Amino acid sequence: GRALSPDVIAYSAAISALGKGGHWQLSLALLAQTTSRKVAPNVITYNAAINACALAGEWHFATLLLQKMRSRSVTPNEISYGATLSAFQEAGLGKLALQLLNAMSGLQVPPNEVCYNTAISACGASGMWQHALETLDSIARSQVSPSRISFNAAIDACAKGGEEGELPALALLAAMRARSISPNEISYGATISSCQSAGHWQLALSLLREMFDLHLEPSVIQCNAVLLACAEGGELQFAIRLLKSMPGMGIQPT
């Protein structure tokens, strides 16, 4: 193929570095400068600029850049779409994330695992836990295998759904084991949170015990969720016992 000019590489690297530093406006200014410098930005250049916008939660600009790529005959790839989905996630725009995810297949760019996971998280951030579950199901129907990250994103979405999300969260935890995917602290933490929302202190406590059995290390947040569940359930003795045992676990109560 044709050799890339150092100018394109330099611009792409600078736009990426500025984006990582939180200077998304400067990233866009550099991208705009390529026109006057007679430098043709490529997919890497645009991806760096979209990612800069995504990191800052500037979803509107990320979307405009995605459209601009097509108008400049630069074909977006999974990274382009993934970064735009990430911008939607940051802004809590689950509906837009799902629209873009569904459009990808029609544009001959099948979503990869990162795109699916980001869309699930965007649904969670928007309180759309049912849509998060549907998106997880659609991974299973695609050529992509859901990972621990996929399941954790879906469990977290259920936890954000309050009381209604408890049973789906517990079902997802069981589904992980059935697929030989080991749940981790994040998996258990989100499920414990959903049990606390539903007022089921026994389940929250049993999940905490399960964590110890699996040699997982609960955080103060997870212990606090169980404490709250016990206290709300009128089980103050369990709450006091757990509170007293926390320093022995290396956890300082807050």
C-alpha atoms as a PDB file:
ATOM      1  CA  GLY A   1       0.000   0.000   0.000  1.00  0.00           C
ATOM      2  CA  ARG A   2       0.894   3.682  -0.242  1.00  0.00           C
ATOM      3  CA  ALA A   3       3.290   4.899   2.443  1.00  0.00           C
ATOM      4  CA  LEU A   4       1.803   7.176   5.065  1.00  0.00           C
ATOM      5  CA  SER A   5       3.259  10.664   5.204  1.00  0.00           C
ATOM      6  CA  PRO A   6       4.937  11.463   8.523  1.00  0.00           C
ATOM      7  CA  ASP A   7       2.541  14.419   8.779  1.00  0.00           C
ATOM      8  CA  VAL A   8      -0.490  12.139   9.162  1.00  0.00           C
ATOM      9  CA  ILE A   9       1.305  10.026  11.756  1.00  0.00           C
ATOM     10  CA  ALA A  10       2.443  13.126  13.673  1.00  0.00           C
ATOM     11  CA  TYR A  11      -1.032  14.678  13.646  1.00  0.00           C
ATOM     12  CA  SER A  12      -2.660  11.421  14.761  1.00  0.00           C
ATOM     13  CA  ALA A  13      -0.191  11.014  17.630  1.00  0.00           C
ATOM     14  CA  ALA A  14      -0.615  14.634  18.762  1.00  0.00           C
ATOM     15  CA  ILE A  15      -4.441  14.457  18.606  1.00  0.00           C
ATOM     16  CA  SER A  16      -4.353  11.227  20.625  1.00  0.00           C
ATOM     17  CA  ALA A  17      -1.996  12.678  23.256  1.00  0.00           C
ATOM     18  CA  LEU A  18      -4.117  15.827  23.646  1.00  0.00           C
ATOM     19  CA  GLY A  19      -7.263  13.727  24.002  1.00  0.00           C
ATOM     20  CA  LYS A  20      -5.732  11.593  26.736  1.00  0.00           C
ATOM     21  CA  GLY A  21      -4.770  14.789  28.524  1.00  0.00           C
ATOM     22  CA  GLY A  22      -8.377  15.983  28.463  1.00  0.00           C
ATOM     23  CA  HIS A  23      -7.771  18.668  25.806  1.00  0.00           C
ATOM     24  CA  TRP A  24     -10.492  17.631  23.381  1.00  0.00           C
ATOM     25  CA  GLN A  25     -10.945  21.152  21.949  1.00  0.00           C
ATOM     26  CA  LEU A  26      -7.259  21.273  20.986  1.00  0.00           C
ATOM     27  CA  SER A  27      -7.595  17.805  19.430  1.00  0.00           C
ATOM     28  CA  LEU A  28     -10.409  19.104  17.207  1.00  0.00           C
ATOM     29  CA  ALA A  29      -8.431  22.250  16.380  1.00  0.00           C
ATOM     30  CA  LEU A  30      -5.499  20.089  15.236  1.00  0.00           C
ATOM     31  CA  LEU A  31      -7.807  17.936  13.129  1.00  0.00           C
ATOM     32  CA  ALA A  32      -9.218  21.082  11.479  1.00  0.00           C
ATOM     33  CA  GLN A  33      -5.661  22.276  10.814  1.00  0.00           C
ATOM     34  CA  THR A  34      -4.952  19.244   8.620  1.00  0.00           C
ATOM     35  CA  THR A  35      -7.081  20.786   5.832  1.00  0.00           C
ATOM     36  CA  SER A  36      -5.002  23.966   5.582  1.00  0.00           C
ATOM     37  CA  ARG A  37      -1.795  21.904   5.765  1.00  0.00           C
ATOM     38  CA  LYS A  38      -2.950  19.709   2.851  1.00  0.00           C
ATOM     39  CA  VAL A  39      -2.773  16.617   5.082  1.00  0.00           C
ATOM     40  CA  ALA A  40      -5.436  13.971   4.494  1.00  0.00           C
ATOM     41  CA  PRO A  41      -6.562  12.585   7.877  1.00  0.00           C
ATOM     42  CA  ASN A  42      -7.005   8.807   7.908  1.00  0.00           C
ATOM     43  CA  VAL A  43      -9.076   6.469  10.066  1.00  0.00           C
ATOM     44  CA  ILE A  44      -6.432   6.574  12.845  1.00  0.00           C
ATOM     45  CA  THR A  45      -6.520  10.401  12.916  1.00  0.00           C
ATOM     46  CA  TYR A  46     -10.317  10.506  13.131  1.00  0.00           C
ATOM     47  CA  ASN A  47     -10.395   7.732  15.743  1.00  0.00           C
ATOM     48  CA  ALA A  48      -7.977   9.716  17.919  1.00  0.00           C
ATOM     49  CA  ALA A  49     -10.232  12.784  17.678  1.00  0.00           C
ATOM     50  CA  ILE A  50     -13.427  10.780  18.366  1.00  0.00           C
ATOM     51  CA  ASN A  51     -11.738   9.181  21.375  1.00  0.00           C
ATOM     52  CA  ALA A  52     -10.705  12.619  22.664  1.00  0.00           C
ATOM     53  CA  CYS A  53     -14.362  13.695  22.527  1.00  0.00           C
ATOM     54  CA  ALA A  54     -15.502  10.419  24.113  1.00  0.00           C
ATOM     55  CA  LEU A  55     -13.118  10.791  27.060  1.00  0.00           C
ATOM     56  CA  ALA A  56     -14.588  14.234  27.696  1.00  0.00           C
ATOM     57  CA  GLY A  57     -18.188  13.005  27.298  1.00  0.00           C
ATOM     58  CA  GLU A  58     -18.629  15.236  24.230  1.00  0.00           C
ATOM     59  CA  TRP A  59     -20.939  12.826  22.436  1.00  0.00           C
ATOM     60  CA  HIS A  60     -22.308  15.415  20.003  1.00  0.00           C
ATOM     61  CA  PHE A  61     -18.867  16.148  18.548  1.00  0.00           C
ATOM     62  CA  ALA A  62     -18.010  12.429  18.454  1.00  0.00           C
ATOM     63  CA  THR A  63     -21.148  11.806  16.367  1.00  0.00           C
ATOM     64  CA  LEU A  64     -20.344  14.708  14.029  1.00  0.00           C
ATOM     65  CA  LEU A  65     -16.826  13.336  13.465  1.00  0.00           C
ATOM     66  CA  LEU A  66     -18.236   9.908  12.635  1.00  0.00           C
ATOM     67  CA  GLN A  67     -20.471  11.534  10.002  1.00  0.00           C
ATOM     68  CA  LYS A  68     -17.589  13.652   8.720  1.00  0.00           C
ATOM     69  CA  MET A  69     -15.454  10.545   8.174  1.00  0.00           C
ATOM     70  CA  ARG A  70     -18.049   9.103   5.798  1.00  0.00           C
ATOM     71  CA  SER A  71     -18.392  12.400   3.903  1.00  0.00           C
ATOM     72  CA  ARG A  72     -14.574  12.429   3.472  1.00  0.00           C
ATOM     73  CA  SER A  73     -14.605   8.815   2.195  1.00  0.00           C
ATOM     74  CA  VAL A  74     -12.773   7.557   5.282  1.00  0.00           C
ATOM     75  CA  THR A  75     -14.448   4.302   6.328  1.00  0.00           C
ATOM     76  CA  PRO A  76     -15.110   4.078  10.097  1.00  0.00           C
ATOM     77  CA  ASN A  77     -14.001   0.821  11.756  1.00  0.00           C
ATOM     78  CA  GLU A  78     -14.862  -0.913  15.042  1.00  0.00           C
ATOM     79  CA  ILE A  79     -12.606   1.502  16.925  1.00  0.00           C
ATOM     80  CA  SER A  80     -14.448   4.525  15.468  1.00  0.00           C
ATOM     81  CA  TYR A  81     -17.822   3.112  16.505  1.00  0.00           C
ATOM     82  CA  GLY A  82     -16.504   1.866  19.849  1.00  0.00           C
ATOM     83  CA  ALA A  83     -15.198   5.333  20.759  1.00  0.00           C
ATOM     84  CA  THR A  84     -18.511   6.952  19.765  1.00  0.00           C
ATOM     85  CA  LEU A  85     -20.401   4.378  21.851  1.00  0.00           C
ATOM     86  CA  SER A  86     -18.092   5.253  24.738  1.00  0.00           C
ATOM     87  CA  ALA A  87     -19.115   8.917  24.378  1.00  0.00           C
ATOM     88  CA  PHE A  88     -22.783   7.862  24.610  1.00  0.00           C
ATOM     89  CA  GLN A  89     -21.969   5.788  27.700  1.00  0.00           C
ATOM     90  CA  GLU A  90     -20.261   8.762  29.401  1.00  0.00           C
ATOM     91  CA  ALA A  91     -23.330  10.899  28.698  1.00  0.00           C
ATOM     92  CA  GLY A  92     -25.796   8.169  29.774  1.00  0.00           C
ATOM     93  CA  LEU A  93     -27.411   7.969  26.329  1.00  0.00           C
ATOM     94  CA  GLY A  94     -28.432   4.313  26.101  1.00  0.00           C
ATOM     95  CA  LYS A  95     -30.938   4.788  23.282  1.00  0.00           C
ATOM     96  CA  LEU A  96     -28.387   6.439  21.001  1.00  0.00           C
ATOM     97  CA  ALA A  97     -25.860   3.719  21.865  1.00  0.00           C
ATOM     98  CA  LEU A  98     -28.327   0.988  20.849  1.00  0.00           C
ATOM     99  CA  GLN A  99     -29.219   2.817  17.624  1.00  0.00           C
ATOM    100  CA  LEU A 100     -25.541   3.017  16.659  1.00  0.00           C
ATOM    101  CA  LEU A 101     -24.889  -0.603  17.662  1.00  0.00           C
ATOM    102  CA  ASN A 102     -27.801  -1.783  15.495  1.00  0.00           C
ATOM    103  CA  ALA A 103     -26.656   0.394  12.583  1.00  0.00           C
ATOM    104  CA  MET A 104     -23.161  -1.138  12.600  1.00  0.00           C
ATOM    105  CA  SER A 105     -24.246  -4.472  11.106  1.00  0.00           C
ATOM    106  CA  GLY A 106     -26.005  -2.681   8.255  1.00  0.00           C
ATOM    107  CA  LEU A 107     -22.806  -0.733   7.606  1.00  0.00           C
ATOM    108  CA  GLN A 108     -20.805  -3.959   7.212  1.00  0.00           C
ATOM    109  CA  VAL A 109     -18.945  -3.353  10.470  1.00  0.00           C
ATOM    110  CA  PRO A 110     -20.053  -6.137  12.840  1.00  0.00           C
ATOM    111  CA  PRO A 111     -19.794  -4.991  16.470  1.00  0.00           C
ATOM    112  CA  ASN A 112     -16.914  -6.485  18.445  1.00  0.00           C
ATOM    113  CA  GLU A 113     -17.014  -7.346  22.143  1.00  0.00           C
ATOM    114  CA  VAL A 114     -15.897  -3.861  23.210  1.00  0.00           C
ATOM    115  CA  CYS A 115     -18.771  -2.265  21.254  1.00  0.00           C
ATOM    116  CA  TYR A 116     -21.330  -4.626  22.816  1.00  0.00           C
ATOM    117  CA  ASN A 117     -19.942  -4.104  26.334  1.00  0.00           C
ATOM    118  CA  THR A 118     -19.936  -0.317  25.947  1.00  0.00           C
ATOM    119  CA  ALA A 119     -23.554  -0.371  24.725  1.00  0.00           C
ATOM    120  CA  ILE A 120     -24.541  -2.517  27.749  1.00  0.00           C
ATOM    121  CA  SER A 121     -22.851  -0.016  30.086  1.00  0.00           C
ATOM    122  CA  ALA A 122     -24.576   2.878  28.293  1.00  0.00           C
ATOM    123  CA  CYS A 123     -27.926   1.161  28.911  1.00  0.00           C
ATOM    124  CA  GLY A 124     -27.019   0.757  32.573  1.00  0.00           C
ATOM    125  CA  ALA A 125     -26.086   4.437  32.844  1.00  0.00           C
ATOM    126  CA  SER A 126     -29.499   5.301  31.356  1.00  0.00           C
ATOM    127  CA  GLY A 127     -31.511   3.068  33.701  1.00  0.00           C
ATOM    128  CA  MET A 128     -32.338   0.747  30.768  1.00  0.00           C
ATOM    129  CA  TRP A 129     -31.457  -2.557  32.443  1.00  0.00           C
ATOM    130  CA  GLN A 130     -33.892  -4.610  30.329  1.00  0.00           C
ATOM    131  CA  HIS A 131     -32.187  -3.335  27.169  1.00  0.00           C
ATOM    132  CA  ALA A 132     -28.819  -4.195  28.718  1.00  0.00           C
ATOM    133  CA  LEU A 133     -30.014  -7.807  29.107  1.00  0.00           C
ATOM    134  CA  GLU A 134     -31.290  -7.873  25.506  1.00  0.00           C
ATOM    135  CA  THR A 135     -27.914  -6.605  24.299  1.00  0.00           C
ATOM    136  CA  LEU A 136     -26.122  -9.317  26.287  1.00  0.00           C
ATOM    137  CA  ASP A 137     -28.422 -11.890  24.632  1.00  0.00           C
ATOM    138  CA  SER A 138     -27.602 -10.460  21.210  1.00  0.00           C
ATOM    139  CA  ILE A 139     -23.872 -11.037  21.864  1.00  0.00           C
ATOM    140  CA  ALA A 140     -24.605 -14.732  22.329  1.00  0.00           C
ATOM    141  CA  ARG A 141     -26.413 -14.760  18.962  1.00  0.00           C
ATOM    142  CA  SER A 142     -23.484 -13.073  17.196  1.00  0.00           C
ATOM    143  CA  GLN A 143     -20.022 -14.432  16.436  1.00  0.00           C
ATOM    144  CA  VAL A 144     -18.743 -12.795  19.640  1.00  0.00           C
ATOM    145  CA  SER A 145     -18.525 -14.592  22.991  1.00  0.00           C
ATOM    146  CA  PRO A 146     -19.609 -12.591  26.041  1.00  0.00           C
ATOM    147  CA  SER A 147     -16.820 -12.196  28.593  1.00  0.00           C
ATOM    148  CA  ARG A 148     -16.714 -11.456  32.313  1.00  0.00           C
ATOM    149  CA  ILE A 149     -16.729  -7.753  31.392  1.00  0.00           C
ATOM    150  CA  SER A 150     -19.957  -8.256  29.388  1.00  0.00           C
ATOM    151  CA  PHE A 151     -21.688  -9.998  32.290  1.00  0.00           C
ATOM    152  CA  ASN A 152     -20.408  -7.483  34.845  1.00  0.00           C
ATOM    153  CA  ALA A 153     -21.724  -4.596  32.754  1.00  0.00           C
ATOM    154  CA  ALA A 154     -25.144  -6.288  32.562  1.00  0.00           C
ATOM    155  CA  ILE A 155     -25.203  -7.101  36.313  1.00  0.00           C
ATOM    156  CA  ASP A 156     -24.254  -3.500  37.076  1.00  0.00           C
ATOM    157  CA  ALA A 157     -27.115  -2.317  34.830  1.00  0.00           C
ATOM    158  CA  CYS A 158     -29.514  -4.567  36.775  1.00  0.00           C
ATOM    159  CA  ALA A 159     -28.197  -3.231  40.096  1.00  0.00           C
ATOM    160  CA  LYS A 160     -28.952   0.297  38.897  1.00  0.00           C
ATOM    161  CA  GLY A 161     -32.501  -0.886  38.154  1.00  0.00           C
ATOM    162  CA  GLY A 162     -33.200  -1.141  41.897  1.00  0.00           C
ATOM    163  CA  GLU A 163     -35.531  -3.795  43.295  1.00  0.00           C
ATOM    164  CA  GLU A 164     -36.654  -5.052  39.864  1.00  0.00           C
ATOM    165  CA  GLY A 165     -33.082  -5.809  38.832  1.00  0.00           C
ATOM    166  CA  GLU A 166     -32.357  -8.247  41.673  1.00  0.00           C
ATOM    167  CA  LEU A 167     -33.580 -11.508  40.088  1.00  0.00           C
ATOM    168  CA  PRO A 168     -31.936 -10.805  36.705  1.00  0.00           C
ATOM    169  CA  ALA A 169     -28.664  -9.953  38.497  1.00  0.00           C
ATOM    170  CA  LEU A 170     -28.751 -13.254  40.421  1.00  0.00           C
ATOM    171  CA  ALA A 171     -29.590 -15.118  37.192  1.00  0.00           C
ATOM    172  CA  LEU A 172     -26.618 -13.516  35.427  1.00  0.00           C
ATOM    173  CA  LEU A 173     -24.283 -14.520  38.260  1.00  0.00           C
ATOM    174  CA  ALA A 174     -25.501 -18.127  37.840  1.00  0.00           C
ATOM    175  CA  ALA A 175     -25.188 -17.875  34.034  1.00  0.00           C
ATOM    176  CA  MET A 176     -21.539 -16.829  34.392  1.00  0.00           C
ATOM    177  CA  ARG A 177     -20.750 -19.998  36.340  1.00  0.00           C
ATOM    178  CA  ALA A 178     -22.678 -22.097  33.801  1.00  0.00           C
ATOM    179  CA  ARG A 179     -20.415 -20.661  31.079  1.00  0.00           C
ATOM    180  CA  SER A 180     -17.294 -21.318  33.197  1.00  0.00           C
ATOM    181  CA  ILE A 181     -16.709 -17.584  33.595  1.00  0.00           C
ATOM    182  CA  SER A 182     -15.516 -16.920  37.141  1.00  0.00           C
ATOM    183  CA  PRO A 183     -17.395 -14.056  38.801  1.00  0.00           C
ATOM    184  CA  ASN A 184     -15.064 -11.511  40.421  1.00  0.00           C
ATOM    185  CA  GLU A 185     -15.414  -8.766  43.039  1.00  0.00           C
ATOM    186  CA  ILE A 186     -17.259  -6.531  40.551  1.00  0.00           C
ATOM    187  CA  SER A 187     -19.767  -9.310  39.715  1.00  0.00           C
ATOM    188  CA  TYR A 188     -20.523  -9.958  43.378  1.00  0.00           C
ATOM    189  CA  GLY A 189     -20.486  -6.290  44.370  1.00  0.00           C
ATOM    190  CA  ALA A 190     -23.158  -5.327  41.836  1.00  0.00           C
ATOM    191  CA  THR A 191     -25.311  -8.362  42.740  1.00  0.00           C
ATOM    192  CA  ILE A 192     -25.030  -7.574  46.464  1.00  0.00           C
ATOM    193  CA  SER A 193     -26.106  -4.013  45.668  1.00  0.00           C
ATOM    194  CA  SER A 194     -29.208  -5.301  43.855  1.00  0.00           C
ATOM    195  CA  CYS A 195     -30.094  -7.562  46.822  1.00  0.00           C
ATOM    196  CA  GLN A 196     -29.743  -4.586  49.171  1.00  0.00           C
ATOM    197  CA  SER A 197     -32.083  -2.536  46.933  1.00  0.00           C
ATOM    198  CA  ALA A 198     -34.631  -5.360  47.090  1.00  0.00           C
ATOM    199  CA  GLY A 199     -34.323  -5.562  50.890  1.00  0.00           C
ATOM    200  CA  HIS A 200     -33.059  -9.161  50.882  1.00  0.00           C
ATOM    201  CA  TRP A 201     -30.367  -9.104  53.559  1.00  0.00           C
ATOM    202  CA  GLN A 202     -30.072 -12.931  53.689  1.00  0.00           C
ATOM    203  CA  LEU A 203     -29.112 -13.074  50.008  1.00  0.00           C
ATOM    204  CA  ALA A 204     -26.692 -10.153  50.370  1.00  0.00           C
ATOM    205  CA  LEU A 205     -25.047 -11.847  53.354  1.00  0.00           C
ATOM    206  CA  SER A 206     -24.821 -15.246  51.621  1.00  0.00           C
ATOM    207  CA  LEU A 207     -23.161 -13.610  48.582  1.00  0.00           C
ATOM    208  CA  LEU A 208     -20.621 -11.944  50.860  1.00  0.00           C
ATOM    209  CA  ARG A 209     -19.856 -15.326  52.444  1.00  0.00           C
ATOM    210  CA  GLU A 210     -19.539 -16.825  48.981  1.00  0.00           C
ATOM    211  CA  MET A 211     -16.912 -14.201  48.169  1.00  0.00           C
ATOM    212  CA  PHE A 212     -14.820 -15.324  51.139  1.00  0.00           C
ATOM    213  CA  ASP A 213     -15.213 -18.986  50.130  1.00  0.00           C
ATOM    214  CA  LEU A 214     -13.853 -18.078  46.680  1.00  0.00           C
ATOM    215  CA  HIS A 215     -10.973 -16.073  48.237  1.00  0.00           C
ATOM    216  CA  LEU A 216     -12.295 -12.854  46.740  1.00  0.00           C
ATOM    217  CA  GLU A 217     -11.675  -9.675  48.710  1.00  0.00           C
ATOM    218  CA  PRO A 218     -14.802  -7.629  49.434  1.00  0.00           C
ATOM    219  CA  SER A 219     -14.405  -3.851  49.445  1.00  0.00           C
ATOM    220  CA  VAL A 220     -15.768  -1.473  52.051  1.00  0.00           C
ATOM    221  CA  ILE A 221     -18.554  -0.581  49.558  1.00  0.00           C
ATOM    222  CA  GLN A 222     -19.717  -4.218  49.360  1.00  0.00           C
ATOM    223  CA  CYS A 223     -19.580  -4.638  53.143  1.00  0.00           C
ATOM    224  CA  ASN A 224     -21.508  -1.387  53.600  1.00  0.00           C
ATOM    225  CA  ALA A 225     -24.209  -2.642  51.197  1.00  0.00           C
ATOM    226  CA  VAL A 226     -24.615  -5.823  53.282  1.00  0.00           C
ATOM    227  CA  LEU A 227     -24.603  -3.760  56.515  1.00  0.00           C
ATOM    228  CA  LEU A 228     -27.331  -1.535  55.111  1.00  0.00           C
ATOM    229  CA  ALA A 229     -29.376  -4.540  53.941  1.00  0.00           C
ATOM    230  CA  CYS A 230     -29.143  -6.106  57.435  1.00  0.00           C
ATOM    231  CA  ALA A 231     -30.004  -2.840  59.169  1.00  0.00           C
ATOM    232  CA  GLU A 232     -32.964  -2.178  56.866  1.00  0.00           C
ATOM    233  CA  GLY A 233     -34.155  -5.754  57.459  1.00  0.00           C
ATOM    234  CA  GLY A 234     -34.074  -5.191  61.222  1.00  0.00           C
ATOM    235  CA  GLU A 235     -31.175  -7.643  61.617  1.00  0.00           C
ATOM    236  CA  LEU A 236     -28.987  -5.397  63.762  1.00  0.00           C
ATOM    237  CA  GLN A 237     -27.137  -8.315  65.371  1.00  0.00           C
ATOM    238  CA  PHE A 238     -25.826  -9.494  61.986  1.00  0.00           C
ATOM    239  CA  ALA A 239     -24.941  -5.908  61.100  1.00  0.00           C
ATOM    240  CA  ILE A 240     -22.991  -5.381  64.362  1.00  0.00           C
ATOM    241  CA  ARG A 241     -21.211  -8.726  63.972  1.00  0.00           C
ATOM    242  CA  LEU A 242     -20.168  -7.839  60.417  1.00  0.00           C
ATOM    243  CA  LEU A 243     -19.091  -4.349  61.473  1.00  0.00           C
ATOM    244  CA  LYS A 244     -16.863  -5.809  64.217  1.00  0.00           C
ATOM    245  CA  SER A 245     -15.307  -8.361  61.855  1.00  0.00           C
ATOM    246  CA  MET A 246     -14.438  -5.813  59.117  1.00  0.00           C
ATOM    247  CA  PRO A 247     -11.058  -4.652  60.577  1.00  0.00           C
ATOM    248  CA  GLY A 248      -9.981  -8.316  60.720  1.00  0.00           C
ATOM    249  CA  MET A 249     -10.649  -8.501  56.982  1.00  0.00           C
ATOM    250  CA  GLY A 250      -8.404  -5.517  56.442  1.00  0.00           C
ATOM    251  CA  ILE A 251     -11.435  -3.261  55.833  1.00  0.00           C
ATOM    252  CA  GLN A 252     -11.843  -0.060  57.811  1.00  0.00           C
ATOM    253  CA  PRO A 253     -15.553   0.732  58.335  1.00  0.00           C
ATOM    254  CA  THR A 254     -16.599   4.156  57.078  1.00  0.00           C
END
